[in-house]
C-alpha cells in the first residue's frame, strides 16, 4: 500500500514541538513495527517501547501466570495468542489509573503496537505523529480479532516490503524530506 498523502519532512515539525515528540507506530503482526521503531529511535535519538513487551509484565502475565514460568516466557509465546493479548491489554486500559499509552510515554517517545480502536480513540491526542508500517506485499494482515486499526488511522504510511536498508531509507525520507 502506498500513502496517497504527500511525503512530509517531519524533522522540522518534530523539532518545532519544543519537547520530546510522541510517536505511535501501528501495523499488522510481523510487518516490521519494532524494526521501524529501532531505526527511528536511532535516527532521531529517541527511545521506544513495544506495547507487547511492556504489557507482558503488567497486563498479560498476571492472567497467565499459571501457564508460564515468567513474563518473558509468556512474551515469547505471544504470537500464538494474539487475541488473548489484545483482550488483556484492553482490560488493562479499563482499570483506574494511567492507560498503557500514558505509562509508555512517561519514559519513551515511541509507542509500538497499539491494536485497539478504543485505546486509539482515548489516546490519539497524546501523539504528535502516527505511523503505519505496511508490509502488505509480502505478508498478510492479522485477523480482525486482534487488530482493529488500519492504515487510514495513521498520519503517514511507510512501506516495508524490502530489506531493513530500504525501510531505513523510507524513514529517513519521511523524517528529513
N, C-alpha and C. Protein backbone atom coordinates (compact mmCIF):
# COMPACT_ATOMS: atom_id res chain seq x y z
N UNK A 1 0.84 -1.16 0.00
CA UNK A 1 0.00 0.00 0.00
C UNK A 1 0.89 1.23 0.00
N UNK A 2 0.56 2.19 -0.79
CA UNK A 2 1.29 3.45 -0.79
C UNK A 2 0.42 4.52 -0.17
N UNK A 3 1.06 5.47 0.43
CA UNK A 3 0.34 6.54 1.10
C UNK A 3 -0.08 7.57 0.06
N UNK A 4 -1.38 7.87 -0.04
CA UNK A 4 -1.84 8.87 -1.01
C UNK A 4 -1.46 10.29 -0.63
N UNK A 5 -1.10 10.50 0.62
CA UNK A 5 -0.71 11.83 1.06
C UNK A 5 0.74 12.10 0.69
N UNK A 6 1.08 13.35 0.43
CA UNK A 6 2.48 13.65 0.09
C UNK A 6 3.41 13.39 1.27
N UNK A 7 4.65 13.07 0.94
CA UNK A 7 5.66 12.87 1.99
C UNK A 7 5.89 14.19 2.72
N UNK A 8 6.00 14.12 4.01
CA UNK A 8 6.22 15.32 4.82
C UNK A 8 7.63 15.30 5.38
N UNK A 9 8.37 16.40 5.31
CA UNK A 9 9.63 16.44 6.05
C UNK A 9 9.30 16.61 7.53
N UNK A 10 9.40 15.54 8.28
CA UNK A 10 8.94 15.55 9.67
C UNK A 10 9.93 16.17 10.64
N UNK A 11 11.20 16.20 10.31
CA UNK A 11 12.20 16.72 11.24
C UNK A 11 11.86 18.14 11.71
N UNK A 12 11.53 19.09 10.82
CA UNK A 12 11.19 20.43 11.29
C UNK A 12 9.96 20.45 12.20
N UNK A 13 8.97 19.65 11.86
CA UNK A 13 7.77 19.56 12.68
C UNK A 13 8.10 19.04 14.08
N UNK A 14 8.81 17.93 14.11
CA UNK A 14 9.15 17.32 15.40
C UNK A 14 10.06 18.22 16.23
N UNK A 15 11.02 18.89 15.57
CA UNK A 15 11.93 19.79 16.29
C UNK A 15 11.18 21.01 16.81
N UNK A 16 10.16 21.44 16.09
CA UNK A 16 9.41 22.63 16.48
C UNK A 16 8.46 22.42 17.64
N UNK A 17 8.34 21.21 18.14
CA UNK A 17 7.43 20.95 19.26
C UNK A 17 7.92 21.58 20.56
N UNK A 18 9.23 21.74 20.70
CA UNK A 18 9.78 22.29 21.93
C UNK A 18 9.85 21.27 23.06
N UNK A 19 9.61 20.02 22.75
CA UNK A 19 9.69 18.92 23.71
C UNK A 19 9.94 17.65 22.92
N UNK A 20 10.17 16.58 23.64
CA UNK A 20 10.36 15.28 23.01
C UNK A 20 9.08 14.91 22.25
N UNK A 21 9.19 14.55 20.97
CA UNK A 21 7.99 14.16 20.22
C UNK A 21 7.43 12.84 20.76
N UNK A 22 6.14 12.64 20.54
CA UNK A 22 5.47 11.39 20.92
C UNK A 22 4.94 10.75 19.66
N UNK A 23 5.45 9.56 19.37
CA UNK A 23 5.15 8.88 18.10
C UNK A 23 4.52 7.53 18.39
N UNK A 24 3.49 7.21 17.64
CA UNK A 24 2.83 5.91 17.73
C UNK A 24 3.09 5.16 16.43
N UNK A 25 3.56 3.92 16.54
CA UNK A 25 3.80 3.10 15.36
C UNK A 25 2.80 1.94 15.36
N UNK A 26 2.03 1.88 14.28
CA UNK A 26 1.00 0.87 14.10
C UNK A 26 1.36 -0.05 12.94
N UNK A 27 0.68 -1.17 12.85
CA UNK A 27 0.85 -2.09 11.74
C UNK A 27 0.47 -3.49 12.16
N UNK A 28 0.32 -4.34 11.18
CA UNK A 28 -0.03 -5.73 11.45
C UNK A 28 1.15 -6.49 12.04
N UNK A 29 0.85 -7.65 12.61
CA UNK A 29 1.86 -8.52 13.20
C UNK A 29 2.93 -8.86 12.16
N UNK A 30 4.18 -8.78 12.59
CA UNK A 30 5.35 -9.17 11.78
C UNK A 30 5.61 -8.24 10.59
N UNK A 31 5.00 -7.08 10.55
CA UNK A 31 5.20 -6.15 9.43
C UNK A 31 6.38 -5.20 9.63
N UNK A 32 7.06 -5.29 10.78
CA UNK A 32 8.28 -4.51 10.98
C UNK A 32 8.16 -3.31 11.89
N UNK A 33 7.15 -3.28 12.74
CA UNK A 33 6.96 -2.13 13.63
C UNK A 33 8.14 -1.93 14.57
N UNK A 34 8.58 -3.00 15.23
CA UNK A 34 9.71 -2.87 16.16
C UNK A 34 10.99 -2.49 15.44
N UNK A 35 11.21 -3.03 14.25
CA UNK A 35 12.40 -2.67 13.47
C UNK A 35 12.33 -1.19 13.09
N UNK A 36 11.15 -0.75 12.64
CA UNK A 36 10.99 0.67 12.29
C UNK A 36 11.21 1.55 13.52
N UNK A 37 10.71 1.12 14.67
CA UNK A 37 10.90 1.91 15.89
C UNK A 37 12.37 2.01 16.26
N UNK A 38 13.08 0.90 16.16
CA UNK A 38 14.51 0.91 16.49
C UNK A 38 15.27 1.83 15.54
N UNK A 39 14.94 1.78 14.26
CA UNK A 39 15.59 2.66 13.28
C UNK A 39 15.25 4.12 13.56
N UNK A 40 13.97 4.39 13.78
CA UNK A 40 13.53 5.76 14.05
C UNK A 40 14.17 6.29 15.34
N UNK A 41 14.24 5.44 16.35
CA UNK A 41 14.87 5.85 17.61
C UNK A 41 16.33 6.23 17.38
N UNK A 42 17.02 5.42 16.59
CA UNK A 42 18.43 5.70 16.30
C UNK A 42 18.58 6.98 15.46
N UNK A 43 17.74 7.14 14.45
CA UNK A 43 17.85 8.30 13.57
C UNK A 43 17.50 9.61 14.28
N UNK A 44 16.53 9.54 15.20
CA UNK A 44 16.05 10.76 15.85
C UNK A 44 16.51 10.90 17.30
N UNK A 45 17.28 9.93 17.80
CA UNK A 45 17.75 10.00 19.17
C UNK A 45 16.65 9.84 20.20
N UNK A 46 15.71 8.94 19.94
CA UNK A 46 14.56 8.72 20.82
C UNK A 46 14.58 7.31 21.39
N UNK A 47 13.76 7.06 22.39
CA UNK A 47 13.62 5.71 22.93
C UNK A 47 12.23 5.19 22.59
N UNK A 48 12.09 3.86 22.59
CA UNK A 48 10.79 3.27 22.27
C UNK A 48 10.50 2.10 23.18
N UNK A 49 9.20 1.76 23.22
CA UNK A 49 8.77 0.57 23.95
C UNK A 49 7.72 -0.15 23.12
N UNK A 50 7.88 -1.45 23.02
CA UNK A 50 6.89 -2.29 22.38
C UNK A 50 5.74 -2.50 23.36
N UNK A 51 4.52 -2.29 22.91
CA UNK A 51 3.38 -2.48 23.81
C UNK A 51 3.31 -3.92 24.30
N UNK A 52 3.67 -4.88 23.46
CA UNK A 52 3.61 -6.29 23.87
C UNK A 52 4.59 -6.58 25.00
N UNK A 53 5.82 -6.12 24.87
CA UNK A 53 6.80 -6.37 25.92
C UNK A 53 6.45 -5.62 27.20
N UNK A 54 6.04 -4.37 27.03
CA UNK A 54 5.67 -3.54 28.18
C UNK A 54 4.47 -4.15 28.90
N UNK A 55 3.47 -4.57 28.12
CA UNK A 55 2.24 -5.14 28.70
C UNK A 55 2.43 -6.56 29.22
N UNK A 56 3.46 -7.24 28.75
CA UNK A 56 3.69 -8.62 29.19
C UNK A 56 3.78 -8.68 30.71
N UNK A 57 4.49 -7.75 31.27
CA UNK A 57 4.68 -7.74 32.73
C UNK A 57 3.44 -7.28 33.47
N UNK A 58 2.77 -6.26 32.94
CA UNK A 58 1.69 -5.61 33.69
C UNK A 58 0.31 -6.17 33.39
N UNK A 59 0.02 -6.44 32.12
CA UNK A 59 -1.35 -6.81 31.74
C UNK A 59 -1.55 -8.29 31.46
N UNK A 60 -0.57 -8.94 30.85
CA UNK A 60 -0.79 -10.30 30.38
C UNK A 60 -0.31 -11.36 31.37
N UNK A 61 0.91 -11.25 31.84
CA UNK A 61 1.43 -12.29 32.71
C UNK A 61 0.56 -12.54 33.95
N UNK A 62 0.04 -11.49 34.58
CA UNK A 62 -0.84 -11.77 35.73
C UNK A 62 -2.02 -12.69 35.39
N UNK A 63 -2.47 -12.65 34.14
CA UNK A 63 -3.60 -13.50 33.72
C UNK A 63 -3.19 -14.93 33.38
N UNK A 64 -1.92 -15.11 33.00
CA UNK A 64 -1.47 -16.43 32.55
C UNK A 64 -0.32 -16.98 33.38
N UNK A 65 -0.15 -16.46 34.57
CA UNK A 65 0.98 -16.86 35.42
C UNK A 65 1.00 -18.36 35.72
N UNK A 66 -0.16 -19.00 35.67
CA UNK A 66 -0.20 -20.44 35.92
C UNK A 66 0.25 -21.26 34.71
N UNK A 67 0.41 -20.60 33.55
CA UNK A 67 0.79 -21.30 32.32
C UNK A 67 2.26 -21.12 31.94
N UNK A 68 2.91 -20.09 32.47
CA UNK A 68 4.28 -19.76 32.09
C UNK A 68 5.13 -19.53 33.34
N UNK A 69 6.43 -19.83 33.27
CA UNK A 69 7.28 -19.63 34.45
C UNK A 69 7.54 -18.17 34.78
N UNK A 70 7.49 -17.29 33.76
CA UNK A 70 7.71 -15.86 33.99
C UNK A 70 7.16 -15.07 32.80
N UNK A 71 7.18 -13.74 32.92
CA UNK A 71 6.61 -12.90 31.87
C UNK A 71 7.36 -13.03 30.56
N UNK A 72 8.66 -13.32 30.61
CA UNK A 72 9.45 -13.46 29.39
C UNK A 72 8.98 -14.66 28.56
N UNK A 73 8.64 -15.75 29.23
CA UNK A 73 8.13 -16.94 28.53
C UNK A 73 6.78 -16.64 27.90
N UNK A 74 5.94 -15.93 28.61
CA UNK A 74 4.64 -15.54 28.05
C UNK A 74 4.85 -14.63 26.84
N UNK A 75 5.76 -13.70 26.96
CA UNK A 75 6.07 -12.78 25.86
C UNK A 75 6.59 -13.55 24.64
N UNK A 76 7.45 -14.52 24.86
CA UNK A 76 8.00 -15.31 23.76
C UNK A 76 6.92 -16.08 23.01
N UNK A 77 5.83 -16.39 23.67
CA UNK A 77 4.74 -17.17 23.07
C UNK A 77 3.58 -16.30 22.58
N UNK A 78 3.77 -14.99 22.58
CA UNK A 78 2.68 -14.06 22.27
C UNK A 78 2.08 -14.26 20.89
N UNK A 79 2.89 -14.65 19.91
CA UNK A 79 2.38 -14.84 18.55
C UNK A 79 1.32 -15.91 18.45
N UNK A 80 1.31 -16.83 19.37
CA UNK A 80 0.31 -17.90 19.36
C UNK A 80 -1.00 -17.50 20.04
N UNK A 81 -1.00 -16.31 20.65
CA UNK A 81 -2.18 -15.91 21.44
C UNK A 81 -2.49 -14.42 21.26
N UNK A 82 -2.47 -13.94 20.02
CA UNK A 82 -2.65 -12.51 19.78
C UNK A 82 -3.99 -12.00 20.27
N UNK A 83 -5.05 -12.78 20.10
CA UNK A 83 -6.36 -12.33 20.56
C UNK A 83 -6.38 -12.21 22.09
N UNK A 84 -5.77 -13.15 22.79
CA UNK A 84 -5.70 -13.08 24.25
C UNK A 84 -4.96 -11.81 24.67
N UNK A 85 -3.84 -11.53 24.04
CA UNK A 85 -3.07 -10.33 24.36
C UNK A 85 -3.89 -9.07 24.08
N UNK A 86 -4.59 -9.07 22.97
CA UNK A 86 -5.43 -7.93 22.61
C UNK A 86 -6.43 -7.64 23.73
N UNK A 87 -7.11 -8.68 24.18
CA UNK A 87 -8.14 -8.51 25.22
C UNK A 87 -7.53 -8.19 26.59
N UNK A 88 -6.38 -8.75 26.89
CA UNK A 88 -5.72 -8.45 28.17
C UNK A 88 -5.31 -6.98 28.23
N UNK A 89 -4.77 -6.47 27.13
CA UNK A 89 -4.37 -5.06 27.09
C UNK A 89 -5.61 -4.16 27.15
N UNK A 90 -6.68 -4.55 26.46
CA UNK A 90 -7.92 -3.77 26.52
C UNK A 90 -8.45 -3.71 27.96
N UNK A 91 -8.42 -4.85 28.66
CA UNK A 91 -8.87 -4.88 30.06
C UNK A 91 -7.97 -4.01 30.94
N UNK A 92 -6.67 -4.08 30.70
CA UNK A 92 -5.72 -3.26 31.46
C UNK A 92 -6.06 -1.78 31.33
N UNK A 93 -6.45 -1.37 30.14
CA UNK A 93 -6.78 0.03 29.89
C UNK A 93 -8.11 0.46 30.49
N UNK A 94 -8.91 -0.48 30.97
CA UNK A 94 -10.18 -0.15 31.61
C UNK A 94 -10.03 0.08 33.12
N UNK A 95 -8.91 -0.35 33.69
CA UNK A 95 -8.74 -0.19 35.13
C UNK A 95 -8.48 1.28 35.45
N UNK A 96 -8.70 1.68 36.70
CA UNK A 96 -8.40 3.06 37.10
C UNK A 96 -6.89 3.33 36.98
N UNK A 97 -6.56 4.57 36.71
CA UNK A 97 -5.15 4.94 36.61
C UNK A 97 -4.75 5.23 35.19
N UNK A 98 -3.45 5.44 34.99
CA UNK A 98 -2.98 5.79 33.64
C UNK A 98 -3.15 4.63 32.66
N UNK A 99 -3.38 4.99 31.42
CA UNK A 99 -3.50 3.99 30.37
C UNK A 99 -2.12 3.44 30.02
N UNK A 100 -2.11 2.37 29.27
CA UNK A 100 -0.85 1.81 28.81
C UNK A 100 -0.07 2.86 28.00
N UNK A 101 -0.75 3.60 27.14
CA UNK A 101 -0.08 4.64 26.36
C UNK A 101 0.55 5.69 27.27
N UNK A 102 -0.17 6.13 28.27
CA UNK A 102 0.39 7.13 29.19
C UNK A 102 1.60 6.58 29.93
N UNK A 103 1.53 5.32 30.34
CA UNK A 103 2.66 4.72 31.04
C UNK A 103 3.88 4.61 30.14
N UNK A 104 3.68 4.19 28.90
CA UNK A 104 4.80 4.07 27.97
C UNK A 104 5.40 5.45 27.68
N UNK A 105 4.53 6.44 27.43
CA UNK A 105 5.02 7.77 27.07
C UNK A 105 5.70 8.49 28.24
N UNK A 106 5.50 8.03 29.46
CA UNK A 106 6.19 8.63 30.60
C UNK A 106 7.70 8.43 30.49
N UNK A 107 8.12 7.32 29.86
CA UNK A 107 9.55 7.01 29.76
C UNK A 107 10.09 6.92 28.34
N UNK A 108 9.21 6.87 27.35
CA UNK A 108 9.65 6.66 25.97
C UNK A 108 8.92 7.61 25.03
N UNK A 109 9.57 7.93 23.93
CA UNK A 109 8.97 8.81 22.93
C UNK A 109 8.13 8.04 21.90
N UNK A 110 8.39 6.76 21.78
CA UNK A 110 7.73 5.97 20.74
C UNK A 110 7.01 4.78 21.36
N UNK A 111 5.71 4.67 21.06
CA UNK A 111 4.89 3.54 21.48
C UNK A 111 4.70 2.67 20.24
N UNK A 112 4.99 1.39 20.36
CA UNK A 112 4.91 0.47 19.23
C UNK A 112 3.82 -0.56 19.47
N UNK A 113 2.86 -0.64 18.54
CA UNK A 113 1.98 -1.79 18.51
C UNK A 113 0.58 -1.66 19.06
N UNK A 114 0.05 -0.50 19.19
CA UNK A 114 -1.35 -0.37 19.62
C UNK A 114 -2.25 -1.07 18.60
N UNK A 115 -3.29 -1.77 19.09
CA UNK A 115 -4.17 -2.50 18.18
C UNK A 115 -5.65 -2.24 18.41
N UNK A 116 -6.01 -1.59 19.50
CA UNK A 116 -7.41 -1.41 19.88
C UNK A 116 -7.96 -0.06 19.41
N UNK A 117 -9.12 -0.08 18.80
CA UNK A 117 -9.80 1.15 18.36
C UNK A 117 -10.13 2.02 19.58
N UNK A 118 -10.61 1.41 20.66
CA UNK A 118 -10.97 2.18 21.85
C UNK A 118 -9.74 2.84 22.46
N UNK A 119 -8.62 2.10 22.56
CA UNK A 119 -7.39 2.68 23.10
C UNK A 119 -6.91 3.82 22.21
N UNK A 120 -7.00 3.62 20.90
CA UNK A 120 -6.57 4.66 19.95
C UNK A 120 -7.42 5.92 20.13
N UNK A 121 -8.73 5.75 20.22
CA UNK A 121 -9.63 6.90 20.37
C UNK A 121 -9.34 7.67 21.66
N UNK A 122 -9.06 6.95 22.75
CA UNK A 122 -8.78 7.60 24.03
C UNK A 122 -7.40 8.27 24.08
N UNK A 123 -6.46 7.77 23.31
CA UNK A 123 -5.09 8.27 23.45
C UNK A 123 -4.54 9.01 22.24
N UNK A 124 -5.27 9.12 21.16
CA UNK A 124 -4.75 9.76 19.94
C UNK A 124 -4.18 11.14 20.22
N UNK A 125 -4.81 11.87 21.11
CA UNK A 125 -4.38 13.24 21.45
C UNK A 125 -2.98 13.27 22.08
N UNK A 126 -2.52 12.15 22.58
CA UNK A 126 -1.21 12.10 23.22
C UNK A 126 -0.06 12.10 22.21
N UNK A 127 -0.35 11.76 20.96
CA UNK A 127 0.70 11.54 19.96
C UNK A 127 0.79 12.69 18.97
N UNK A 128 2.02 13.05 18.64
CA UNK A 128 2.27 14.08 17.63
C UNK A 128 2.27 13.49 16.23
N UNK A 129 2.56 12.22 16.13
CA UNK A 129 2.68 11.56 14.83
C UNK A 129 2.30 10.10 14.97
N UNK A 130 1.50 9.61 14.02
CA UNK A 130 1.14 8.19 13.98
C UNK A 130 1.61 7.63 12.64
N UNK A 131 2.47 6.62 12.72
CA UNK A 131 3.00 5.93 11.53
C UNK A 131 2.38 4.55 11.42
N UNK A 132 2.09 4.13 10.20
CA UNK A 132 1.66 2.76 9.91
C UNK A 132 2.78 2.11 9.12
N UNK A 133 3.28 0.98 9.59
CA UNK A 133 4.30 0.23 8.87
C UNK A 133 3.58 -0.87 8.11
N UNK A 134 3.75 -0.87 6.80
CA UNK A 134 2.96 -1.74 5.94
C UNK A 134 3.83 -2.68 5.10
N UNK A 135 3.67 -3.96 5.33
CA UNK A 135 4.39 -4.98 4.55
C UNK A 135 3.39 -5.85 3.78
N UNK A 136 2.33 -5.24 3.29
CA UNK A 136 1.23 -5.98 2.66
C UNK A 136 1.64 -6.74 1.41
N UNK A 137 2.70 -6.35 0.76
CA UNK A 137 3.12 -7.08 -0.44
C UNK A 137 3.83 -8.38 -0.12
N UNK A 138 4.28 -8.54 1.13
CA UNK A 138 4.99 -9.77 1.48
C UNK A 138 4.36 -10.55 2.62
N UNK A 139 3.43 -9.93 3.36
CA UNK A 139 2.79 -10.60 4.49
C UNK A 139 1.30 -10.27 4.55
N UNK A 140 0.49 -11.22 5.00
CA UNK A 140 -0.94 -10.93 5.12
C UNK A 140 -1.23 -10.08 6.36
N UNK A 141 -2.40 -9.46 6.40
CA UNK A 141 -2.78 -8.76 7.63
C UNK A 141 -3.13 -9.79 8.71
N UNK A 142 -3.14 -9.33 9.95
CA UNK A 142 -3.51 -10.25 11.02
C UNK A 142 -5.04 -10.32 11.12
N UNK A 143 -5.57 -11.33 11.79
CA UNK A 143 -7.02 -11.46 11.91
C UNK A 143 -7.65 -10.26 12.62
N UNK A 144 -8.87 -9.95 12.23
CA UNK A 144 -9.57 -8.80 12.79
C UNK A 144 -9.77 -8.92 14.30
N UNK A 145 -9.79 -10.11 14.85
CA UNK A 145 -10.00 -10.29 16.28
C UNK A 145 -8.87 -9.78 17.15
N UNK A 146 -7.73 -9.46 16.54
CA UNK A 146 -6.63 -8.93 17.35
C UNK A 146 -6.08 -7.62 16.79
N UNK A 147 -6.74 -7.03 15.80
CA UNK A 147 -6.31 -5.74 15.24
C UNK A 147 -7.53 -4.98 14.74
N UNK A 148 -7.77 -3.82 15.32
CA UNK A 148 -8.92 -3.02 14.93
C UNK A 148 -8.53 -1.74 14.19
N UNK A 149 -7.23 -1.49 14.03
CA UNK A 149 -6.77 -0.27 13.38
C UNK A 149 -6.35 -0.57 11.95
N UNK A 150 -6.21 0.47 11.14
CA UNK A 150 -5.90 0.31 9.72
C UNK A 150 -5.05 1.49 9.25
N UNK A 151 -4.46 1.38 8.07
CA UNK A 151 -3.62 2.47 7.57
C UNK A 151 -4.26 3.87 7.59
N UNK A 152 -5.56 4.03 7.32
CA UNK A 152 -6.13 5.38 7.38
C UNK A 152 -6.09 6.04 8.77
N UNK A 153 -5.84 5.23 9.82
CA UNK A 153 -5.72 5.81 11.15
C UNK A 153 -4.40 6.55 11.34
N UNK A 154 -3.44 6.30 10.49
CA UNK A 154 -2.11 6.90 10.63
C UNK A 154 -2.00 8.22 9.87
N UNK A 155 -1.04 9.02 10.30
CA UNK A 155 -0.72 10.25 9.59
C UNK A 155 0.11 9.95 8.34
N UNK A 156 0.89 8.87 8.42
CA UNK A 156 1.80 8.52 7.34
C UNK A 156 1.96 7.01 7.28
N UNK A 157 1.93 6.46 6.08
CA UNK A 157 2.14 5.02 5.87
C UNK A 157 3.53 4.84 5.28
N UNK A 158 4.30 3.95 5.90
CA UNK A 158 5.65 3.64 5.44
C UNK A 158 5.65 2.21 4.93
N UNK A 159 5.94 2.02 3.65
CA UNK A 159 6.01 0.67 3.07
C UNK A 159 7.25 -0.05 3.58
N UNK A 160 7.09 -1.33 3.90
CA UNK A 160 8.20 -2.15 4.37
C UNK A 160 8.15 -3.49 3.65
N UNK A 161 8.37 -3.45 2.36
CA UNK A 161 8.31 -4.67 1.56
C UNK A 161 9.68 -5.11 1.05
N UNK A 162 10.72 -4.45 1.53
CA UNK A 162 12.07 -4.80 1.14
C UNK A 162 12.88 -5.20 2.34
N UNK A 163 14.17 -4.89 2.30
CA UNK A 163 15.05 -5.22 3.42
C UNK A 163 15.11 -4.05 4.41
N UNK A 164 15.89 -4.23 5.47
CA UNK A 164 15.99 -3.21 6.51
C UNK A 164 16.58 -1.91 5.97
N UNK A 165 17.50 -1.99 5.03
CA UNK A 165 18.09 -0.78 4.45
C UNK A 165 17.02 0.03 3.71
N UNK A 166 16.13 -0.65 3.02
CA UNK A 166 15.05 0.05 2.31
C UNK A 166 14.10 0.72 3.31
N UNK A 167 13.81 0.03 4.41
CA UNK A 167 12.96 0.63 5.44
C UNK A 167 13.63 1.86 6.03
N UNK A 168 14.92 1.75 6.32
CA UNK A 168 15.64 2.90 6.86
C UNK A 168 15.61 4.07 5.88
N UNK A 169 15.78 3.79 4.59
CA UNK A 169 15.74 4.86 3.59
C UNK A 169 14.37 5.54 3.57
N UNK A 170 13.31 4.76 3.70
CA UNK A 170 11.96 5.35 3.72
C UNK A 170 11.73 6.20 4.97
N UNK A 171 12.22 5.71 6.09
CA UNK A 171 12.09 6.50 7.32
C UNK A 171 12.90 7.79 7.23
N UNK A 172 14.13 7.69 6.68
CA UNK A 172 14.95 8.92 6.50
C UNK A 172 14.23 9.91 5.61
N UNK A 173 13.65 9.43 4.51
CA UNK A 173 12.94 10.31 3.60
C UNK A 173 11.75 10.97 4.29
N UNK A 174 11.02 10.21 5.11
CA UNK A 174 9.87 10.77 5.81
C UNK A 174 10.31 11.78 6.86
N UNK A 175 11.41 11.51 7.55
CA UNK A 175 11.88 12.43 8.58
C UNK A 175 12.54 13.69 8.05
N UNK A 176 13.39 13.48 7.04
CA UNK A 176 14.24 14.58 6.63
C UNK A 176 13.93 15.13 5.24
N UNK A 177 12.91 14.57 4.61
CA UNK A 177 12.48 15.08 3.30
C UNK A 177 13.36 14.71 2.15
